[in-house]
Amino acid sequence: MFKLLLVFIGGGLGSVIRFLVATLVNNRFISNLPVATLLSNILSCIILGIASYLVNEKQALNQEVKLFLIIGLCGGLSTFSTFSLETLNLLKNQNYGYALANVLMSLFVCIGLLYFLVKKNIY
């Protein structure tokens, strides 16, 4: 039961951070590109990469911290469903360049960050 609580609290915190990022970005920037979702996913990948490195290479995080950070916080902070919907909306509005840029930036930046942060752990 304690493990579920850790994931629940981490997920809630991640969701609140995502909401704050979206609020801050959407109040400051007007863009056809869904910048808030991209930034939330990038932040999640940074946290995931560092946590994975600390878990796998350094054995510096215990199972509870791993559940809280990787499954809970990163799960609540990142959002594939919102990314997918925003990309679909760009396509529906015939913003093909923005849709392509959104997909490519999301893939290359997020995967690139994870590779950079955990490259010793890639098999």
PDB file of N, CA and C in Angstrom:
ATOM      1  N   MET A   1       0.822  -1.197   0.000  1.00  0.00           N
ATOM      2  CA  MET A   1       0.000   0.000   0.000  1.00  0.00           C
ATOM      3  C   MET A   1       0.867   1.262   0.000  1.00  0.00           C
ATOM      4  N   PHE A   2       1.989   1.205   0.692  1.00  0.00           N
ATOM      5  CA  PHE A   2       2.895   2.350   0.755  1.00  0.00           C
ATOM      6  C   PHE A   2       3.434   2.687  -0.637  1.00  0.00           C
ATOM      7  N   LYS A   3       3.708   1.662  -1.438  1.00  0.00           N
ATOM      8  CA  LYS A   3       4.213   1.889  -2.794  1.00  0.00           C
ATOM      9  C   LYS A   3       3.180   2.626  -3.643  1.00  0.00           C
ATOM     10  N   LEU A   4       1.922   2.247  -3.521  1.00  0.00           N
ATOM     11  CA  LEU A   4       0.854   2.935  -4.247  1.00  0.00           C
ATOM     12  C   LEU A   4       0.756   4.392  -3.833  1.00  0.00           C
ATOM     13  N   LEU A   5       0.930   4.652  -2.556  1.00  0.00           N
ATOM     14  CA  LEU A   5       0.888   6.023  -2.052  1.00  0.00           C
ATOM     15  C   LEU A   5       2.026   6.859  -2.638  1.00  0.00           C
ATOM     16  N   LEU A   6       3.219   6.276  -2.739  1.00  0.00           N
ATOM     17  CA  LEU A   6       4.352   6.992  -3.328  1.00  0.00           C
ATOM     18  C   LEU A   6       4.092   7.346  -4.787  1.00  0.00           C
ATOM     19  N   VAL A   7       3.553   6.393  -5.544  1.00  0.00           N
ATOM     20  CA  VAL A   7       3.235   6.659  -6.951  1.00  0.00           C
ATOM     21  C   VAL A   7       2.133   7.712  -7.045  1.00  0.00           C
ATOM     22  N   PHE A   8       1.134   7.619  -6.193  1.00  0.00           N
ATOM     23  CA  PHE A   8       0.017   8.566  -6.181  1.00  0.00           C
ATOM     24  C   PHE A   8       0.503   9.987  -5.886  1.00  0.00           C
ATOM     25  N   ILE A   9       1.324  10.145  -4.869  1.00  0.00           N
ATOM     26  CA  ILE A   9       1.829  11.473  -4.509  1.00  0.00           C
ATOM     27  C   ILE A   9       2.751  12.015  -5.603  1.00  0.00           C
ATOM     28  N   GLY A  10       3.635  11.168  -6.113  1.00  0.00           N
ATOM     29  CA  GLY A  10       4.518  11.599  -7.194  1.00  0.00           C
ATOM     30  C   GLY A  10       3.740  11.993  -8.434  1.00  0.00           C
ATOM     31  N   GLY A  11       2.731  11.201  -8.794  1.00  0.00           N
ATOM     32  CA  GLY A  11       1.906  11.509  -9.957  1.00  0.00           C
ATOM     33  C   GLY A  11       1.137  12.812  -9.785  1.00  0.00           C
ATOM     34  N   GLY A  12       0.628  13.028  -8.601  1.00  0.00           N
ATOM     35  CA  GLY A  12      -0.080  14.283  -8.325  1.00  0.00           C
ATOM     36  C   GLY A  12       0.848  15.480  -8.420  1.00  0.00           C
ATOM     37  N   LEU A  13       2.040  15.344  -7.860  1.00  0.00           N
ATOM     38  CA  LEU A  13       3.022  16.423  -7.926  1.00  0.00           C
ATOM     39  C   LEU A  13       3.434  16.689  -9.371  1.00  0.00           C
ATOM     40  N   GLY A  14       3.649  15.632 -10.139  1.00  0.00           N
ATOM     41  CA  GLY A  14       4.005  15.787 -11.543  1.00  0.00           C
ATOM     42  C   GLY A  14       2.906  16.487 -12.328  1.00  0.00           C
ATOM     43  N   SER A  15       1.660  16.144 -12.045  1.00  0.00           N
ATOM     44  CA  SER A  15       0.530  16.778 -12.725  1.00  0.00           C
ATOM     45  C   SER A  15       0.423  18.257 -12.366  1.00  0.00           C
ATOM     46  N   VAL A  16       0.670  18.583 -11.112  1.00  0.00           N
ATOM     47  CA  VAL A  16       0.637  19.988 -10.693  1.00  0.00           C
ATOM     48  C   VAL A  16       1.767  20.770 -11.366  1.00  0.00           C
ATOM     49  N   ILE A  17       2.945  20.184 -11.449  1.00  0.00           N
ATOM     50  CA  ILE A  17       4.057  20.848 -12.130  1.00  0.00           C
ATOM     51  C   ILE A  17       3.710  21.062 -13.605  1.00  0.00           C
ATOM     52  N   ARG A  18       3.114  20.054 -14.239  1.00  0.00           N
ATOM     53  CA  ARG A  18       2.710  20.190 -15.647  1.00  0.00           C
ATOM     54  C   ARG A  18       1.702  21.320 -15.808  1.00  0.00           C
ATOM     55  N   PHE A  19       0.748  21.410 -14.909  1.00  0.00           N
ATOM     56  CA  PHE A  19      -0.239  22.487 -14.941  1.00  0.00           C
ATOM     57  C   PHE A  19       0.441  23.844 -14.791  1.00  0.00           C
ATOM     58  N   LEU A  20       1.387  23.956 -13.864  1.00  0.00           N
ATOM     59  CA  LEU A  20       2.090  25.223 -13.653  1.00  0.00           C
ATOM     60  C   LEU A  20       2.932  25.606 -14.866  1.00  0.00           C
ATOM     61  N   VAL A  21       3.601  24.634 -15.460  1.00  0.00           N
ATOM     62  CA  VAL A  21       4.375  24.892 -16.683  1.00  0.00           C
ATOM     63  C   VAL A  21       3.442  25.398 -17.777  1.00  0.00           C
ATOM     64  N   ALA A  22       2.316  24.732 -17.962  1.00  0.00           N
ATOM     65  CA  ALA A  22       1.364  25.130 -19.003  1.00  0.00           C
ATOM     66  C   ALA A  22       0.830  26.536 -18.746  1.00  0.00           C
ATOM     67  N   THR A  23       0.498  26.826 -17.505  1.00  0.00           N
ATOM     68  CA  THR A  23      -0.021  28.147 -17.161  1.00  0.00           C
ATOM     69  C   THR A  23       1.026  29.221 -17.420  1.00  0.00           C
ATOM     70  N   LEU A  24       2.238  28.985 -16.970  1.00  0.00           N
ATOM     71  CA  LEU A  24       3.315  29.955 -17.153  1.00  0.00           C
ATOM     72  C   LEU A  24       3.616  30.176 -18.628  1.00  0.00           C
ATOM     73  N   VAL A  25       3.776  29.105 -19.373  1.00  0.00           N
ATOM     74  CA  VAL A  25       4.128  29.208 -20.793  1.00  0.00           C
ATOM     75  C   VAL A  25       2.991  29.831 -21.592  1.00  0.00           C
ATOM     76  N   ASN A  26       1.774  29.375 -21.360  1.00  0.00           N
ATOM     77  CA  ASN A  26       0.645  29.875 -22.145  1.00  0.00           C
ATOM     78  C   ASN A  26       0.312  31.333 -21.838  1.00  0.00           C
ATOM     79  N   ASN A  27       0.674  31.804 -20.644  1.00  0.00           N
ATOM     80  CA  ASN A  27       0.469  33.215 -20.309  1.00  0.00           C
ATOM     81  C   ASN A  27       1.559  34.110 -20.877  1.00  0.00           C
ATOM     82  N   ARG A  28       2.703  33.537 -21.218  1.00  0.00           N
ATOM     83  CA  ARG A  28       3.836  34.339 -21.679  1.00  0.00           C
ATOM     84  C   ARG A  28       4.082  34.238 -23.180  1.00  0.00           C
ATOM     85  N   PHE A  29       3.714  33.123 -23.791  1.00  0.00           N
ATOM     86  CA  PHE A  29       4.024  32.892 -25.192  1.00  0.00           C
ATOM     87  C   PHE A  29       2.763  32.561 -25.974  1.00  0.00           C
ATOM     88  N   ILE A  30       2.667  33.138 -27.141  1.00  0.00           N
ATOM     89  CA  ILE A  30       1.604  32.772 -28.066  1.00  0.00           C
ATOM     90  C   ILE A  30       2.290  32.127 -29.262  1.00  0.00           C
ATOM     91  N   SER A  31       1.974  30.873 -29.477  1.00  0.00           N
ATOM     92  CA  SER A  31       2.627  30.121 -30.542  1.00  0.00           C
ATOM     93  C   SER A  31       1.694  29.043 -31.040  1.00  0.00           C
ATOM     94  N   ASN A  32       1.822  28.713 -32.314  1.00  0.00           N
ATOM     95  CA  ASN A  32       1.081  27.570 -32.840  1.00  0.00           C
ATOM     96  C   ASN A  32       1.679  26.259 -32.352  1.00  0.00           C
ATOM     97  N   LEU A  33       2.932  26.292 -31.975  1.00  0.00           N
ATOM     98  CA  LEU A  33       3.607  25.100 -31.473  1.00  0.00           C
ATOM     99  C   LEU A  33       3.227  24.895 -30.005  1.00  0.00           C
ATOM    100  N   PRO A  34       2.854  23.685 -29.603  1.00  0.00           N
ATOM    101  CA  PRO A  34       2.478  23.430 -28.204  1.00  0.00           C
ATOM    102  C   PRO A  34       3.712  23.372 -27.292  1.00  0.00           C
ATOM    103  N   VAL A  35       4.232  24.538 -26.974  1.00  0.00           N
ATOM    104  CA  VAL A  35       5.480  24.670 -26.232  1.00  0.00           C
ATOM    105  C   VAL A  35       5.362  24.120 -24.810  1.00  0.00           C
ATOM    106  N   ALA A  36       4.235  24.339 -24.157  1.00  0.00           N
ATOM    107  CA  ALA A  36       4.080  23.907 -22.765  1.00  0.00           C
ATOM    108  C   ALA A  36       4.203  22.389 -22.632  1.00  0.00           C
ATOM    109  N   THR A  37       3.576  21.659 -23.534  1.00  0.00           N
ATOM    110  CA  THR A  37       3.662  20.199 -23.487  1.00  0.00           C
ATOM    111  C   THR A  37       5.081  19.742 -23.785  1.00  0.00           C
ATOM    112  N   LEU A  38       5.709  20.368 -24.768  1.00  0.00           N
ATOM    113  CA  LEU A  38       7.086  20.029 -25.100  1.00  0.00           C
ATOM    114  C   LEU A  38       8.001  20.263 -23.899  1.00  0.00           C
ATOM    115  N   LEU A  39       7.859  21.404 -23.232  1.00  0.00           N
ATOM    116  CA  LEU A  39       8.694  21.694 -22.063  1.00  0.00           C
ATOM    117  C   LEU A  39       8.425  20.729 -20.910  1.00  0.00           C
ATOM    118  N   SER A  40       7.166  20.374 -20.694  1.00  0.00           N
ATOM    119  CA  SER A  40       6.838  19.405 -19.644  1.00  0.00           C
ATOM    120  C   SER A  40       7.479  18.056 -19.938  1.00  0.00           C
ATOM    121  N   ASN A  41       7.413  17.626 -21.194  1.00  0.00           N
ATOM    122  CA  ASN A  41       8.011  16.342 -21.563  1.00  0.00           C
ATOM    123  C   ASN A  41       9.533  16.389 -21.484  1.00  0.00           C
ATOM    124  N   ILE A  42      10.132  17.516 -21.851  1.00  0.00           N
ATOM    125  CA  ILE A  42      11.583  17.664 -21.731  1.00  0.00           C
ATOM    126  C   ILE A  42      11.998  17.618 -20.263  1.00  0.00           C
ATOM    127  N   LEU A  43      11.296  18.351 -19.404  1.00  0.00           N
ATOM    128  CA  LEU A  43      11.603  18.337 -17.976  1.00  0.00           C
ATOM    129  C   LEU A  43      11.464  16.931 -17.401  1.00  0.00           C
ATOM    130  N   SER A  44      10.420  16.230 -17.814  1.00  0.00           N
ATOM    131  CA  SER A  44      10.221  14.859 -17.357  1.00  0.00           C
ATOM    132  C   SER A  44      11.374  13.959 -17.801  1.00  0.00           C
ATOM    133  N   CYS A  45      11.828  14.132 -19.037  1.00  0.00           N
ATOM    134  CA  CYS A  45      12.944  13.317 -19.538  1.00  0.00           C
ATOM    135  C   CYS A  45      14.242  13.618 -18.787  1.00  0.00           C
ATOM    136  N   ILE A  46      14.449  14.867 -18.420  1.00  0.00           N
ATOM    137  CA  ILE A  46      15.635  15.220 -17.639  1.00  0.00           C
ATOM    138  C   ILE A  46      15.586  14.519 -16.285  1.00  0.00           C
ATOM    139  N   ILE A  47      14.451  14.614 -15.615  1.00  0.00           N
ATOM    140  CA  ILE A  47      14.300  13.956 -14.310  1.00  0.00           C
ATOM    141  C   ILE A  47      14.441  12.444 -14.455  1.00  0.00           C
ATOM    142  N   LEU A  48      13.795  11.880 -15.479  1.00  0.00           N
ATOM    143  CA  LEU A  48      13.868  10.442 -15.728  1.00  0.00           C
ATOM    144  C   LEU A  48      15.294  10.000 -16.009  1.00  0.00           C
ATOM    145  N   GLY A  49      15.998  10.758 -16.825  1.00  0.00           N
ATOM    146  CA  GLY A  49      17.376  10.401 -17.156  1.00  0.00           C
ATOM    147  C   GLY A  49      18.298  10.421 -15.946  1.00  0.00           C
ATOM    148  N   ILE A  50      18.190  11.466 -15.155  1.00  0.00           N
ATOM    149  CA  ILE A  50      19.029  11.574 -13.947  1.00  0.00           C
ATOM    150  C   ILE A  50      18.667  10.470 -12.954  1.00  0.00           C
ATOM    151  N   ALA A  51      17.372  10.260 -12.740  1.00  0.00           N
ATOM    152  CA  ALA A  51      16.941   9.221 -11.798  1.00  0.00           C
ATOM    153  C   ALA A  51      17.364   7.836 -12.276  1.00  0.00           C
ATOM    154  N   SER A  52      17.226   7.570 -13.580  1.00  0.00           N
ATOM    155  CA  SER A  52      17.641   6.268 -14.113  1.00  0.00           C
ATOM    156  C   SER A  52      19.135   6.054 -13.946  1.00  0.00           C
ATOM    157  N   TYR A  53      19.902   7.081 -14.196  1.00  0.00           N
ATOM    158  CA  TYR A  53      21.349   6.988 -14.008  1.00  0.00           C
ATOM    159  C   TYR A  53      21.678   6.693 -12.548  1.00  0.00           C
ATOM    160  N   LEU A  54      21.025   7.409 -11.639  1.00  0.00           N
ATOM    161  CA  LEU A  54      21.292   7.198 -10.214  1.00  0.00           C
ATOM    162  C   LEU A  54      20.841   5.820  -9.745  1.00  0.00           C
ATOM    163  N   VAL A  55      19.774   5.300 -10.323  1.00  0.00           N
ATOM    164  CA  VAL A  55      19.297   3.963  -9.957  1.00  0.00           C
ATOM    165  C   VAL A  55      20.209   2.892 -10.535  1.00  0.00           C
ATOM    166  N   ASN A  56      20.500   2.983 -11.837  1.00  0.00           N
ATOM    167  CA  ASN A  56      21.196   1.899 -12.527  1.00  0.00           C
ATOM    168  C   ASN A  56      22.715   1.945 -12.401  1.00  0.00           C
ATOM    169  N   GLU A  57      23.288   3.115 -12.445  1.00  0.00           N
ATOM    170  CA  GLU A  57      24.752   3.216 -12.417  1.00  0.00           C
ATOM    171  C   GLU A  57      25.303   3.363 -11.006  1.00  0.00           C
ATOM    172  N   LYS A  58      24.670   4.172 -10.230  1.00  0.00           N
ATOM    173  CA  LYS A  58      25.201   4.509  -8.907  1.00  0.00           C
ATOM    174  C   LYS A  58      24.527   3.759  -7.768  1.00  0.00           C
ATOM    175  N   GLN A  59      23.415   3.092  -8.073  1.00  0.00           N
ATOM    176  CA  GLN A  59      22.603   2.454  -7.038  1.00  0.00           C
ATOM    177  C   GLN A  59      22.377   3.413  -5.860  1.00  0.00           C
ATOM    178  N   ALA A  60      22.137   4.698  -6.206  1.00  0.00           N
ATOM    179  CA  ALA A  60      22.012   5.745  -5.209  1.00  0.00           C
ATOM    180  C   ALA A  60      20.572   5.993  -4.773  1.00  0.00           C
ATOM    181  N   LEU A  61      19.608   5.411  -5.483  1.00  0.00           N
ATOM    182  CA  LEU A  61      18.207   5.601  -5.117  1.00  0.00           C
ATOM    183  C   LEU A  61      17.588   4.261  -4.761  1.00  0.00           C
ATOM    184  N   ASN A  62      16.823   4.250  -3.690  1.00  0.00           N
ATOM    185  CA  ASN A  62      16.159   3.009  -3.314  1.00  0.00           C
ATOM    186  C   ASN A  62      14.857   2.841  -4.103  1.00  0.00           C
ATOM    187  N   GLN A  63      14.216   1.713  -3.944  1.00  0.00           N
ATOM    188  CA  GLN A  63      13.012   1.375  -4.700  1.00  0.00           C
ATOM    189  C   GLN A  63      11.898   2.394  -4.476  1.00  0.00           C
ATOM    190  N   GLU A  64      11.763   2.902  -3.267  1.00  0.00           N
ATOM    191  CA  GLU A  64      10.696   3.851  -2.976  1.00  0.00           C
ATOM    192  C   GLU A  64      10.900   5.169  -3.713  1.00  0.00           C
ATOM    193  N   VAL A  65      12.135   5.662  -3.731  1.00  0.00           N
ATOM    194  CA  VAL A  65      12.424   6.907  -4.456  1.00  0.00           C
ATOM    195  C   VAL A  65      12.226   6.694  -5.951  1.00  0.00           C
ATOM    196  N   LYS A  66      12.605   5.530  -6.438  1.00  0.00           N
ATOM    197  CA  LYS A  66      12.400   5.195  -7.854  1.00  0.00           C
ATOM    198  C   LYS A  66      10.913   5.216  -8.199  1.00  0.00           C
ATOM    199  N   LEU A  67      10.079   4.619  -7.372  1.00  0.00           N
ATOM    200  CA  LEU A  67       8.636   4.627  -7.612  1.00  0.00           C
ATOM    201  C   LEU A  67       8.088   6.052  -7.607  1.00  0.00           C
ATOM    202  N   PHE A  68       8.522   6.851  -6.650  1.00  0.00           N
ATOM    203  CA  PHE A  68       8.049   8.224  -6.529  1.00  0.00           C
ATOM    204  C   PHE A  68       8.466   9.065  -7.735  1.00  0.00           C
ATOM    205  N   LEU A  69       9.746   8.994  -8.106  1.00  0.00           N
ATOM    206  CA  LEU A  69      10.271   9.848  -9.173  1.00  0.00           C
ATOM    207  C   LEU A  69       9.927   9.341 -10.571  1.00  0.00           C
ATOM    208  N   ILE A  70      10.276   8.101 -10.847  1.00  0.00           N
ATOM    209  CA  ILE A  70      10.184   7.603 -12.224  1.00  0.00           C
ATOM    210  C   ILE A  70       8.742   7.297 -12.613  1.00  0.00           C
ATOM    211  N   ILE A  71       8.048   6.545 -11.799  1.00  0.00           N
ATOM    212  CA  ILE A  71       6.675   6.187 -12.152  1.00  0.00           C
ATOM    213  C   ILE A  71       5.710   7.312 -11.797  1.00  0.00           C
ATOM    214  N   GLY A  72       5.819   7.853 -10.607  1.00  0.00           N
ATOM    215  CA  GLY A  72       4.887   8.878 -10.159  1.00  0.00           C
ATOM    216  C   GLY A  72       5.127  10.236 -10.788  1.00  0.00           C
ATOM    217  N   LEU A  73       6.209  10.890 -10.417  1.00  0.00           N
ATOM    218  CA  LEU A  73       6.471  12.258 -10.862  1.00  0.00           C
ATOM    219  C   LEU A  73       6.586  12.357 -12.381  1.00  0.00           C
ATOM    220  N   CYS A  74       7.424  11.521 -12.971  1.00  0.00           N
ATOM    221  CA  CYS A  74       7.593  11.580 -14.439  1.00  0.00           C
ATOM    222  C   CYS A  74       6.326  11.162 -15.166  1.00  0.00           C
ATOM    223  N   GLY A  75       5.599  10.204 -14.613  1.00  0.00           N
ATOM    224  CA  GLY A  75       4.340   9.795 -15.224  1.00  0.00           C
ATOM    225  C   GLY A  75       3.302  10.903 -15.206  1.00  0.00           C
ATOM    226  N   GLY A  76       3.261  11.674 -14.127  1.00  0.00           N
ATOM    227  CA  GLY A  76       2.315  12.784 -14.036  1.00  0.00           C
ATOM    228  C   GLY A  76       2.759  14.006 -14.822  1.00  0.00           C
ATOM    229  N   LEU A  77       4.058  14.189 -14.947  1.00  0.00           N
ATOM    230  CA  LEU A  77       4.600  15.365 -15.622  1.00  0.00           C
ATOM    231  C   LEU A  77       4.593  15.232 -17.134  1.00  0.00           C
ATOM    232  N   SER A  78       4.940  14.071 -17.634  1.00  0.00           N
ATOM    233  CA  SER A  78       4.969  13.882 -19.087  1.00  0.00           C
ATOM    234  C   SER A  78       3.571  13.520 -19.571  1.00  0.00           C
ATOM    235  N   THR A  79       3.336  13.772 -20.841  1.00  0.00           N
ATOM    236  CA  THR A  79       1.990  13.521 -21.325  1.00  0.00           C
ATOM    237  C   THR A  79       1.987  13.213 -22.806  1.00  0.00           C
ATOM    238  N   PHE A  80       1.932  11.947 -23.142  1.00  0.00           N
ATOM    239  CA  PHE A  80       1.881  11.539 -24.536  1.00  0.00           C
ATOM    240  C   PHE A  80       0.511  11.819 -25.134  1.00  0.00           C
ATOM    241  N   SER A  81      -0.524  11.675 -24.342  1.00  0.00           N
ATOM    242  CA  SER A  81      -1.875  11.894 -24.857  1.00  0.00           C
ATOM    243  C   SER A  81      -2.086  13.350 -25.264  1.00  0.00           C
ATOM    244  N   THR A  82      -1.623  14.295 -24.462  1.00  0.00           N
ATOM    245  CA  THR A  82      -1.763  15.704 -24.818  1.00  0.00           C
ATOM    246  C   THR A  82      -0.918  16.026 -26.039  1.00  0.00           C
ATOM    247  N   PHE A  83       0.297  15.502 -26.084  1.00  0.00           N
ATOM    248  CA  PHE A  83       1.161  15.668 -27.260  1.00  0.00           C
ATOM    249  C   PHE A  83       0.449  15.160 -28.511  1.00  0.00           C
ATOM    250  N   SER A  84      -0.174  14.009 -28.418  1.00  0.00           N
ATOM    251  CA  SER A  84      -0.869  13.416 -29.569  1.00  0.00           C
ATOM    252  C   SER A  84      -2.051  14.276 -30.005  1.00  0.00           C
ATOM    253  N   LEU A  85      -2.846  14.725 -29.051  1.00  0.00           N
ATOM    254  CA  LEU A  85      -4.010  15.548 -29.372  1.00  0.00           C
ATOM    255  C   LEU A  85      -3.584  16.884 -29.977  1.00  0.00           C
ATOM    256  N   GLU A  86      -2.581  17.510 -29.407  1.00  0.00           N
ATOM    257  CA  GLU A  86      -2.120  18.790 -29.949  1.00  0.00           C
ATOM    258  C   GLU A  86      -1.560  18.630 -31.355  1.00  0.00           C
ATOM    259  N   THR A  87      -0.861  17.551 -31.593  1.00  0.00           N
ATOM    260  CA  THR A  87      -0.347  17.294 -32.940  1.00  0.00           C
ATOM    261  C   THR A  87      -1.497  17.048 -33.908  1.00  0.00           C
ATOM    262  N   LEU A  88      -2.483  16.281 -33.492  1.00  0.00           N
ATOM    263  CA  LEU A  88      -3.661  16.041 -34.329  1.00  0.00           C
ATOM    264  C   LEU A  88      -4.387  17.347 -34.644  1.00  0.00           C
ATOM    265  N   ASN A  89      -4.520  18.223 -33.662  1.00  0.00           N
ATOM    266  CA  ASN A  89      -5.171  19.517 -33.887  1.00  0.00           C
ATOM    267  C   ASN A  89      -4.385  20.382 -34.869  1.00  0.00           C
ATOM    268  N   LEU A  90      -3.065  20.332 -34.785  1.00  0.00           N
ATOM    269  CA  LEU A  90      -2.247  21.057 -35.758  1.00  0.00           C
ATOM    270  C   LEU A  90      -2.504  20.528 -37.168  1.00  0.00           C
ATOM    271  N   LEU A  91      -2.593  19.212 -37.297  1.00  0.00           N
ATOM    272  CA  LEU A  91      -2.877  18.611 -38.607  1.00  0.00           C
ATOM    273  C   LEU A  91      -4.271  18.989 -39.107  1.00  0.00           C
ATOM    274  N   LYS A  92      -5.258  18.960 -38.216  1.00  0.00           N
ATOM    275  CA  LYS A  92      -6.632  19.325 -38.602  1.00  0.00           C
ATOM    276  C   LYS A  92      -6.702  20.767 -39.090  1.00  0.00           C
ATOM    277  N   ASN A  93      -5.900  21.627 -38.483  1.00  0.00           N
ATOM    278  CA  ASN A  93      -5.887  23.043 -38.863  1.00  0.00           C
ATOM    279  C   ASN A  93      -4.900  23.330 -39.994  1.00  0.00           C
ATOM    280  N   GLN A  94      -4.415  22.282 -40.605  1.00  0.00           N
ATOM    281  CA  GLN A  94      -3.496  22.352 -41.742  1.00  0.00           C
ATOM    282  C   GLN A  94      -2.189  23.078 -41.415  1.00  0.00           C
ATOM    283  N   ASN A  95      -1.780  22.994 -40.167  1.00  0.00           N
ATOM    284  CA  ASN A  95      -0.481  23.512 -39.733  1.00  0.00           C
ATOM    285  C   ASN A  95       0.532  22.369 -39.802  1.00  0.00           C
ATOM    286  N   TYR A  96       0.774  21.885 -41.007  1.00  0.00           N
ATOM    287  CA  TYR A  96       1.594  20.697 -41.202  1.00  0.00           C
ATOM    288  C   TYR A  96       3.032  20.904 -40.747  1.00  0.00           C
ATOM    289  N   GLY A  97       3.567  22.073 -41.000  1.00  0.00           N
ATOM    290  CA  GLY A  97       4.941  22.353 -40.578  1.00  0.00           C
ATOM    291  C   GLY A  97       5.084  22.331 -39.070  1.00  0.00           C
ATOM    292  N   TYR A  98       4.119  22.948 -38.376  1.00  0.00           N
ATOM    293  CA  TYR A  98       4.154  22.935 -36.911  1.00  0.00           C
ATOM    294  C   TYR A  98       3.951  21.524 -36.366  1.00  0.00           C
ATOM    295  N   ALA A  99       3.078  20.766 -36.995  1.00  0.00           N
ATOM    296  CA  ALA A  99       2.853  19.385 -36.557  1.00  0.00           C
ATOM    297  C   ALA A  99       4.130  18.566 -36.701  1.00  0.00           C
ATOM    298  N   LEU A 100       4.777  18.697 -37.851  1.00  0.00           N
ATOM    299  CA  LEU A 100       6.031  17.975 -38.069  1.00  0.00           C
ATOM    300  C   LEU A 100       7.108  18.441 -37.094  1.00  0.00           C
ATOM    301  N   ALA A 101       7.202  19.745 -36.894  1.00  0.00           N
ATOM    302  CA  ALA A 101       8.194  20.284 -35.948  1.00  0.00           C
ATOM    303  C   ALA A 101       7.922  19.772 -34.533  1.00  0.00           C
ATOM    304  N   ASN A 102       6.649  19.716 -34.149  1.00  0.00           N
ATOM    305  CA  ASN A 102       6.289  19.225 -32.822  1.00  0.00           C
ATOM    306  C   ASN A 102       6.717  17.772 -32.635  1.00  0.00           C
ATOM    307  N   VAL A 103       6.424  16.943 -33.628  1.00  0.00           N
ATOM    308  CA  VAL A 103       6.791  15.524 -33.539  1.00  0.00           C
ATOM    309  C   VAL A 103       8.308  15.362 -33.516  1.00  0.00           C
ATOM    310  N   LEU A 104       8.990  16.028 -34.430  1.00  0.00           N
ATOM    311  CA  LEU A 104      10.448  15.864 -34.511  1.00  0.00           C
ATOM    312  C   LEU A 104      11.155  16.409 -33.280  1.00  0.00           C
ATOM    313  N   MET A 105      10.742  17.584 -32.824  1.00  0.00           N
ATOM    314  CA  MET A 105      11.385  18.141 -31.621  1.00  0.00           C
ATOM    315  C   MET A 105      11.117  17.263 -30.410  1.00  0.00           C
ATOM    316  N   SER A 106       9.885  16.813 -30.277  1.00  0.00           N
ATOM    317  CA  SER A 106       9.558  15.963 -29.128  1.00  0.00           C
ATOM    318  C   SER A 106      10.396  14.689 -29.137  1.00  0.00           C
ATOM    319  N   LEU A 107      10.476  14.062 -30.295  1.00  0.00           N
ATOM    320  CA  LEU A 107      11.246  12.816 -30.384  1.00  0.00           C
ATOM    321  C   LEU A 107      12.736  13.041 -30.196  1.00  0.00           C
ATOM    322  N   PHE A 108      13.295  13.938 -30.981  1.00  0.00           N
ATOM    323  CA  PHE A 108      14.745  14.094 -30.960  1.00  0.00           C
ATOM    324  C   PHE A 108      15.253  14.741 -29.676  1.00  0.00           C
ATOM    325  N   VAL A 109      14.549  15.742 -29.172  1.00  0.00           N
ATOM    326  CA  VAL A 109      15.007  16.391 -27.945  1.00  0.00           C
ATOM    327  C   VAL A 109      14.853  15.446 -26.759  1.00  0.00           C
ATOM    328  N   CYS A 110      13.688  14.837 -26.609  1.00  0.00           N
ATOM    329  CA  CYS A 110      13.459  13.965 -25.448  1.00  0.00           C
ATOM    330  C   CYS A 110      14.330  12.713 -25.492  1.00  0.00           C
ATOM    331  N   ILE A 111      14.374  12.045 -26.623  1.00  0.00           N
ATOM    332  CA  ILE A 111      15.216  10.846 -26.723  1.00  0.00           C
ATOM    333  C   ILE A 111      16.686  11.224 -26.646  1.00  0.00           C
ATOM    334  N   GLY A 112      17.052  12.344 -27.252  1.00  0.00           N
ATOM    335  CA  GLY A 112      18.438  12.814 -27.167  1.00  0.00           C
ATOM    336  C   GLY A 112      18.855  13.111 -25.744  1.00  0.00           C
ATOM    337  N   LEU A 113      17.983  13.767 -24.993  1.00  0.00           N
ATOM    338  CA  LEU A 113      18.290  14.039 -23.585  1.00  0.00           C
ATOM    339  C   LEU A 113      18.457  12.753 -22.795  1.00  0.00           C
ATOM    340  N   LEU A 114      17.528  11.830 -22.987  1.00  0.00           N
ATOM    341  CA  LEU A 114      17.637  10.560 -22.273  1.00  0.00           C
ATOM    342  C   LEU A 114      18.915   9.822 -22.653  1.00  0.00           C
ATOM    343  N   TYR A 115      19.244   9.819 -23.926  1.00  0.00           N
ATOM    344  CA  TYR A 115      20.482   9.174 -24.360  1.00  0.00           C
ATOM    345  C   TYR A 115      21.683   9.821 -23.691  1.00  0.00           C
ATOM    346  N   PHE A 116      21.725  11.126 -23.698  1.00  0.00           N
ATOM    347  CA  PHE A 116      22.843  11.844 -23.082  1.00  0.00           C
ATOM    348  C   PHE A 116      22.945  11.548 -21.593  1.00  0.00           C
ATOM    349  N   LEU A 117      21.802  11.498 -20.915  1.00  0.00           N
ATOM    350  CA  LEU A 117      21.813  11.326 -19.458  1.00  0.00           C
ATOM    351  C   LEU A 117      22.042   9.884 -19.015  1.00  0.00           C
ATOM    352  N   VAL A 118      21.664   8.910 -19.836  1.00  0.00           N
ATOM    353  CA  VAL A 118      21.789   7.512 -19.406  1.00  0.00           C
ATOM    354  C   VAL A 118      22.527   6.660 -20.437  1.00  0.00           C
ATOM    355  N   LYS A 119      23.351   7.256 -21.267  1.00  0.00           N
ATOM    356  CA  LYS A 119      23.965   6.519 -22.373  1.00  0.00           C
ATOM    357  C   LYS A 119      24.744   5.293 -21.911  1.00  0.00           C
ATOM    358  N   LYS A 120      25.239   5.274 -20.703  1.00  0.00           N
ATOM    359  CA  LYS A 120      25.959   4.107 -20.208  1.00  0.00           C
ATOM    360  C   LYS A 120      25.027   2.943 -19.936  1.00  0.00           C
ATOM    361  N   ASN A 121      23.727   3.230 -19.843  1.00  0.00           N
ATOM    362  CA  ASN A 121      22.758   2.186 -19.506  1.00  0.00           C
ATOM    363  C   ASN A 121      22.012   1.650 -20.724  1.00  0.00           C
ATOM    364  N   ILE A 122      22.285   2.178 -21.917  1.00  0.00           N
ATOM    365  CA  ILE A 122      21.599   1.710 -23.114  1.00  0.00           C
ATOM    366  C   ILE A 122      22.268   0.424 -23.593  1.00  0.00           C
ATOM    367  N   TYR A 123      21.484  -0.584 -23.850  1.00  0.00           N
ATOM    368  CA  TYR A 123      22.011  -1.900 -24.228  1.00  0.00           C
ATOM    369  C   TYR A 123      22.012  -2.052 -25.721  1.00  0.00           C
TER     370      TYR A 123
END
